[in-house]
Amino acid sequence: MKTFRMALAALALLTIAQSLRANTPPSDVMYFCTQAVEAKKVMVHLANLDEQPTQIMLMGTFGKVYYKEFIRKHNGHRALLDLEQLPDGRYILSARQKDETKSQVIRITEGKVLVSHCMN
């Protein structure tokens, strides 16, 4: 009877651990998210870079590049972008690593920055 209870408890723990693991993003996928922190400033968060070369780029909708940065030999990175000098409009902020690119839309309007949701 005691062995049965131990086995049942172990099974319950295994089930809980598996469900928690299923809700956690895989650690080998690049994490990319931006957040508006002030009137015209955006914080860029990158994680799970695996020390691979990574490029961050801010581009206008007509292809003009306003910001470009290369990150090397880091697992994570955080940058504060000051968008004060940019005119109102839509921009694409992207992070590229190997064959993987993640992007977010940034809209500057009436002195404010609006950022699309993080998709990771």
Protein backbone atom coordinates (compact mmCIF):
# COMPACT_ATOMS: atom_id res chain seq x y z
CA MET A 1 0.00 0.00 0.00
CA LYS A 2 2.84 2.37 0.89
CA THR A 3 4.57 1.63 -2.44
CA PHE A 4 1.33 2.37 -4.30
CA ARG A 5 1.03 5.78 -2.58
CA MET A 6 4.66 6.63 -3.37
CA ALA A 7 4.15 5.70 -7.03
CA LEU A 8 0.96 7.76 -7.17
CA ALA A 9 2.72 10.78 -5.62
CA ALA A 10 5.62 10.43 -8.08
CA LEU A 11 3.18 10.27 -10.99
CA ALA A 12 1.38 13.40 -9.75
CA LEU A 13 4.69 15.26 -9.47
CA LEU A 14 5.73 14.16 -12.95
CA THR A 15 2.41 15.34 -14.40
CA ILE A 16 2.74 18.77 -12.76
CA ALA A 17 6.36 19.13 -13.90
CA GLN A 18 5.45 18.25 -17.49
CA SER A 19 2.60 20.78 -17.59
CA LEU A 20 4.88 23.52 -16.25
CA ARG A 21 7.54 22.62 -18.79
CA ALA A 22 5.00 22.77 -21.62
CA ASN A 23 4.15 26.39 -20.73
CA THR A 24 7.80 27.49 -20.75
CA PRO A 25 9.26 28.77 -24.03
CA PRO A 26 12.11 26.67 -25.40
CA SER A 27 15.48 28.01 -24.28
CA ASP A 28 17.06 27.63 -27.73
CA VAL A 29 14.68 30.15 -29.32
CA MET A 30 15.79 33.77 -29.46
CA TYR A 31 13.66 35.99 -27.21
CA PHE A 32 12.97 39.48 -28.60
CA CYS A 33 10.68 42.05 -27.02
CA THR A 34 10.42 45.82 -26.93
CA GLN A 35 8.75 48.11 -24.46
CA ALA A 36 7.97 51.84 -24.59
CA VAL A 37 9.55 53.32 -21.46
CA GLU A 38 9.24 57.08 -22.00
CA ALA A 39 7.63 59.48 -24.47
CA LYS A 40 9.91 58.56 -27.39
CA LYS A 41 12.18 55.87 -25.94
CA VAL A 42 12.01 52.11 -26.39
CA MET A 43 13.79 49.39 -24.40
CA VAL A 44 14.87 46.38 -26.48
CA HIS A 45 15.28 43.04 -24.69
CA LEU A 46 17.09 40.06 -26.25
CA ALA A 47 17.77 36.69 -24.61
CA ASN A 48 18.80 33.16 -25.58
CA LEU A 49 21.32 34.46 -28.11
CA ASP A 50 23.65 31.51 -27.49
CA GLU A 51 26.64 33.82 -28.13
CA GLN A 52 25.73 33.87 -31.83
CA PRO A 53 26.08 37.06 -33.92
CA THR A 54 22.80 38.99 -33.75
CA GLN A 55 21.71 42.14 -35.54
CA ILE A 56 19.18 44.71 -34.32
CA MET A 57 17.80 47.07 -36.95
CA LEU A 58 15.21 49.85 -37.00
CA MET A 59 13.88 50.52 -40.47
CA GLY A 60 11.22 52.82 -41.88
CA THR A 61 8.37 51.46 -43.99
CA PHE A 62 10.16 52.63 -47.17
CA GLY A 63 13.39 50.78 -46.32
CA LYS A 64 15.49 53.56 -44.77
CA VAL A 65 17.65 52.22 -41.91
CA TYR A 66 17.63 54.46 -38.83
CA TYR A 67 19.51 52.23 -36.39
CA LYS A 68 21.70 49.14 -36.69
CA GLU A 69 23.66 47.30 -34.02
CA PHE A 70 25.57 44.02 -34.01
CA ILE A 71 25.82 41.90 -30.86
CA ARG A 72 28.51 39.25 -30.62
CA LYS A 73 29.45 36.73 -27.94
CA HIS A 74 26.56 37.51 -25.61
CA ASN A 75 23.64 35.45 -24.39
CA GLY A 76 21.46 38.50 -23.74
CA HIS A 77 21.36 42.17 -24.56
CA ARG A 78 19.35 45.22 -23.59
CA ALA A 79 19.39 48.58 -25.38
CA LEU A 80 17.56 51.86 -24.91
CA LEU A 81 16.65 53.47 -28.23
CA ASP A 82 15.96 57.20 -28.26
CA LEU A 83 13.51 57.86 -31.11
CA GLU A 84 13.17 61.60 -30.42
CA GLN A 85 14.60 62.61 -33.81
CA LEU A 86 12.33 60.34 -35.86
CA PRO A 87 9.25 61.76 -37.58
CA ASP A 88 5.77 60.39 -36.91
CA GLY A 89 5.17 57.14 -38.76
CA ARG A 90 5.56 53.36 -38.65
CA TYR A 91 8.85 51.57 -38.22
CA ILE A 92 9.97 47.94 -38.10
CA LEU A 93 12.36 46.93 -35.33
CA SER A 94 13.89 43.53 -35.99
CA ALA A 95 16.40 41.16 -34.47
CA ARG A 96 18.10 38.69 -36.81
CA GLN A 97 20.23 35.69 -35.93
CA LYS A 98 21.22 33.01 -38.46
CA ASP A 99 17.99 32.08 -40.27
CA GLU A 100 15.69 33.52 -37.60
CA THR A 101 14.22 37.03 -37.71
CA LYS A 102 11.77 38.48 -35.22
CA SER A 103 10.13 41.85 -35.78
CA GLN A 104 7.88 44.31 -34.04
CA VAL A 105 6.04 47.33 -35.37
CA ILE A 106 6.74 50.66 -33.70
CA ARG A 107 4.47 53.60 -34.35
CA ILE A 108 5.39 57.14 -33.44
CA THR A 109 2.44 59.50 -33.26
CA GLU A 110 1.73 62.74 -31.41
CA GLY A 111 4.92 62.54 -29.36
CA LYS A 112 4.23 58.96 -28.20
CA VAL A 113 5.63 55.57 -29.09
CA LEU A 114 3.30 52.60 -29.55
CA VAL A 115 4.82 49.12 -29.70
CA SER A 116 3.19 45.93 -30.99
CA HIS A 117 2.92 42.92 -28.66
CA CYS A 118 5.91 40.65 -28.14
CA MET A 119 5.55 37.47 -30.19
CA ASN A 120 7.93 34.79 -28.89
